[in-house]
Amino acid sequence: MSGIDLTAQPSGTGCQECDAAGGWWFHLRRCAQCGHVGCCDSSPSRHASRHALETDHPVMQSFEPGEDWFWDFRTQLVFEGPDLAEPTSHPTDQPAPGPHGRVPADWMQHLN
């Protein structure tokens, strides 16, 4: 399927842009084409969607433990897809929202 590279490694265990800015995220998504890990659309900064728009990488997968669903930005549909390169989620001891120590006490007020 176009937009999926089974060999692309995740870019890290958290949202690259949030980490660089000292921010936080609600949930994480992984680009199925290049492995970029960004924050979900409920997060304040929506970096996964921004990555898809700026790079024309149309497919992402949840990067949450126990979730393996994909999202296609072209069709706006959830689907089941192939197994991507490991790891397939952030570490299970990493909280959501995360990362630990950067999530504000009133985090629910900041969700989209």
C-alpha atoms as a PDB file:
ATOM      1  CA  MET A   1       0.000   0.000   0.000  1.00  0.00           C
ATOM      2  CA  SER A   2       1.304   3.449  -0.783  1.00  0.00           C
ATOM      3  CA  GLY A   3       2.272   5.517   2.230  1.00  0.00           C
ATOM      4  CA  ILE A   4       3.585   2.565   4.251  1.00  0.00           C
ATOM      5  CA  ASP A   5       7.225   1.523   4.654  1.00  0.00           C
ATOM      6  CA  LEU A   6       7.505  -1.627   6.758  1.00  0.00           C
ATOM      7  CA  THR A   7      11.170  -0.935   7.520  1.00  0.00           C
ATOM      8  CA  ALA A   8      10.870   2.675   8.768  1.00  0.00           C
ATOM      9  CA  GLN A   9      11.895   2.910  12.418  1.00  0.00           C
ATOM     10  CA  PRO A  10      10.028   5.210  14.855  1.00  0.00           C
ATOM     11  CA  SER A  11      11.782   8.553  15.298  1.00  0.00           C
ATOM     12  CA  GLY A  12      11.698   8.200  19.086  1.00  0.00           C
ATOM     13  CA  THR A  13       9.441   7.481  22.043  1.00  0.00           C
ATOM     14  CA  GLY A  14       7.679  10.848  22.083  1.00  0.00           C
ATOM     15  CA  CYS A  15       6.546  13.659  19.825  1.00  0.00           C
ATOM     16  CA  GLN A  16       9.682  15.109  18.216  1.00  0.00           C
ATOM     17  CA  GLU A  17       8.363  18.664  18.051  1.00  0.00           C
ATOM     18  CA  CYS A  18       6.862  18.680  21.562  1.00  0.00           C
ATOM     19  CA  ASP A  19      10.114  17.299  22.970  1.00  0.00           C
ATOM     20  CA  ALA A  20      12.139  19.991  21.189  1.00  0.00           C
ATOM     21  CA  ALA A  21       9.844  22.738  22.531  1.00  0.00           C
ATOM     22  CA  GLY A  22       9.467  21.311  26.051  1.00  0.00           C
ATOM     23  CA  GLY A  23       5.773  20.602  25.414  1.00  0.00           C
ATOM     24  CA  TRP A  24       3.513  17.662  26.140  1.00  0.00           C
ATOM     25  CA  TRP A  25       1.064  15.400  24.306  1.00  0.00           C
ATOM     26  CA  PHE A  26      -2.101  13.427  24.922  1.00  0.00           C
ATOM     27  CA  HIS A  27      -1.499  10.431  22.624  1.00  0.00           C
ATOM     28  CA  LEU A  28       1.114   9.602  20.020  1.00  0.00           C
ATOM     29  CA  ARG A  29       0.888   8.705  16.332  1.00  0.00           C
ATOM     30  CA  ARG A  30       3.561   7.274  14.037  1.00  0.00           C
ATOM     31  CA  CYS A  31       3.955   8.062  10.349  1.00  0.00           C
ATOM     32  CA  ALA A  32       3.719   4.752   8.505  1.00  0.00           C
ATOM     33  CA  GLN A  33       5.954   6.054   5.719  1.00  0.00           C
ATOM     34  CA  CYS A  34       8.956   7.553   7.541  1.00  0.00           C
ATOM     35  CA  GLY A  35       8.451   6.688  11.232  1.00  0.00           C
ATOM     36  CA  HIS A  36       8.017  10.280  12.482  1.00  0.00           C
ATOM     37  CA  VAL A  37       6.356  10.210  15.910  1.00  0.00           C
ATOM     38  CA  GLY A  38       4.019  13.136  16.555  1.00  0.00           C
ATOM     39  CA  CYS A  39       1.184  14.030  18.885  1.00  0.00           C
ATOM     40  CA  CYS A  40      -2.469  13.281  18.079  1.00  0.00           C
ATOM     41  CA  ASP A  41      -5.155  15.765  17.052  1.00  0.00           C
ATOM     42  CA  SER A  42      -6.500  15.922  20.623  1.00  0.00           C
ATOM     43  CA  SER A  43      -3.088  17.181  21.768  1.00  0.00           C
ATOM     44  CA  PRO A  44      -2.542  20.945  21.899  1.00  0.00           C
ATOM     45  CA  SER A  45      -0.110  21.007  18.945  1.00  0.00           C
ATOM     46  CA  ARG A  46      -1.406  18.272  16.581  1.00  0.00           C
ATOM     47  CA  HIS A  47       2.056  17.494  15.214  1.00  0.00           C
ATOM     48  CA  ALA A  48       1.158  14.149  13.568  1.00  0.00           C
ATOM     49  CA  SER A  49      -1.449  15.781  11.329  1.00  0.00           C
ATOM     50  CA  ARG A  50       0.883  18.672  10.592  1.00  0.00           C
ATOM     51  CA  HIS A  51       3.597  16.197   9.573  1.00  0.00           C
ATOM     52  CA  ALA A  52       1.201  14.411   7.208  1.00  0.00           C
ATOM     53  CA  LEU A  53       0.164  17.700   5.602  1.00  0.00           C
ATOM     54  CA  GLU A  54       3.682  19.095   5.232  1.00  0.00           C
ATOM     55  CA  THR A  55       5.286  15.883   3.923  1.00  0.00           C
ATOM     56  CA  ASP A  56       2.378  14.357   1.991  1.00  0.00           C
ATOM     57  CA  HIS A  57       2.813  11.171   4.048  1.00  0.00           C
ATOM     58  CA  PRO A  58      -0.825  10.028   4.120  1.00  0.00           C
ATOM     59  CA  VAL A  59      -0.908   7.175   6.651  1.00  0.00           C
ATOM     60  CA  MET A  60      -0.266   7.049  10.371  1.00  0.00           C
ATOM     61  CA  GLN A  61      -0.574   4.355  13.013  1.00  0.00           C
ATOM     62  CA  SER A  62      -1.371   4.728  16.678  1.00  0.00           C
ATOM     63  CA  PHE A  63       1.834   4.665  18.741  1.00  0.00           C
ATOM     64  CA  GLU A  64      -0.010   3.774  21.945  1.00  0.00           C
ATOM     65  CA  PRO A  65       0.542   0.417  23.707  1.00  0.00           C
ATOM     66  CA  GLY A  66      -2.088  -2.144  22.726  1.00  0.00           C
ATOM     67  CA  GLU A  67      -3.311  -0.180  19.689  1.00  0.00           C
ATOM     68  CA  ASP A  68      -2.484  -1.121  16.106  1.00  0.00           C
ATOM     69  CA  TRP A  69      -5.026   0.796  14.022  1.00  0.00           C
ATOM     70  CA  PHE A  70      -4.045   2.974  11.068  1.00  0.00           C
ATOM     71  CA  TRP A  71      -5.526   6.253   9.814  1.00  0.00           C
ATOM     72  CA  ASP A  72      -5.482   7.359   6.173  1.00  0.00           C
ATOM     73  CA  PHE A  73      -5.581  11.146   5.822  1.00  0.00           C
ATOM     74  CA  ARG A  74      -6.640  10.817   2.151  1.00  0.00           C
ATOM     75  CA  THR A  75      -9.787   8.806   2.843  1.00  0.00           C
ATOM     76  CA  GLN A  76     -10.313   9.881   6.472  1.00  0.00           C
ATOM     77  CA  LEU A  77     -10.792   6.222   7.385  1.00  0.00           C
ATOM     78  CA  VAL A  78      -9.431   3.896  10.045  1.00  0.00           C
ATOM     79  CA  PHE A  79      -8.127   0.567   8.761  1.00  0.00           C
ATOM     80  CA  GLU A  80      -6.119  -2.494   9.763  1.00  0.00           C
ATOM     81  CA  GLY A  81      -2.699  -2.679   8.207  1.00  0.00           C
ATOM     82  CA  PRO A  82       0.551  -4.612   8.182  1.00  0.00           C
ATOM     83  CA  ASP A  83       3.021  -4.955  11.033  1.00  0.00           C
ATOM     84  CA  LEU A  84       5.475  -2.064  11.089  1.00  0.00           C
ATOM     85  CA  ALA A  85       9.071  -2.197  12.337  1.00  0.00           C
ATOM     86  CA  GLU A  86       9.460  -2.482  16.096  1.00  0.00           C
ATOM     87  CA  PRO A  87       8.845  -0.858  18.461  1.00  0.00           C
ATOM     88  CA  THR A  88       5.172  -0.376  17.671  1.00  0.00           C
ATOM     89  CA  SER A  89       4.405   1.865  20.651  1.00  0.00           C
ATOM     90  CA  HIS A  90       6.007   4.148  23.153  1.00  0.00           C
ATOM     91  CA  PRO A  91       7.308   2.380  26.292  1.00  0.00           C
ATOM     92  CA  THR A  92       4.515   1.073  28.508  1.00  0.00           C
ATOM     93  CA  ASP A  93       5.922   2.926  31.526  1.00  0.00           C
ATOM     94  CA  GLN A  94       5.623   6.262  29.689  1.00  0.00           C
ATOM     95  CA  PRO A  95       2.373   7.926  30.777  1.00  0.00           C
ATOM     96  CA  ALA A  96      -0.388   9.262  28.559  1.00  0.00           C
ATOM     97  CA  PRO A  97      -0.641  12.149  28.579  1.00  0.00           C
ATOM     98  CA  GLY A  98       3.093  12.569  28.676  1.00  0.00           C
ATOM     99  CA  PRO A  99       5.859  12.893  29.160  1.00  0.00           C
ATOM    100  CA  HIS A 100       6.106  12.674  32.911  1.00  0.00           C
ATOM    101  CA  GLY A 101       6.900  16.023  34.496  1.00  0.00           C
ATOM    102  CA  ARG A 102       5.695  18.217  31.616  1.00  0.00           C
ATOM    103  CA  VAL A 103       1.930  17.667  31.652  1.00  0.00           C
ATOM    104  CA  PRO A 104       0.071  20.570  33.297  1.00  0.00           C
ATOM    105  CA  ALA A 105      -2.322  19.817  36.146  1.00  0.00           C
ATOM    106  CA  ASP A 106      -5.213  21.206  34.070  1.00  0.00           C
ATOM    107  CA  TRP A 107      -4.244  19.208  30.941  1.00  0.00           C
ATOM    108  CA  MET A 108      -7.846  18.270  30.101  1.00  0.00           C
ATOM    109  CA  GLN A 109      -8.623  21.951  29.580  1.00  0.00           C
ATOM    110  CA  HIS A 110      -5.990  22.090  26.819  1.00  0.00           C
ATOM    111  CA  LEU A 111      -7.219  19.207  24.654  1.00  0.00           C
ATOM    112  CA  ASN A 112      -8.650  19.844  21.200  1.00  0.00           C
END
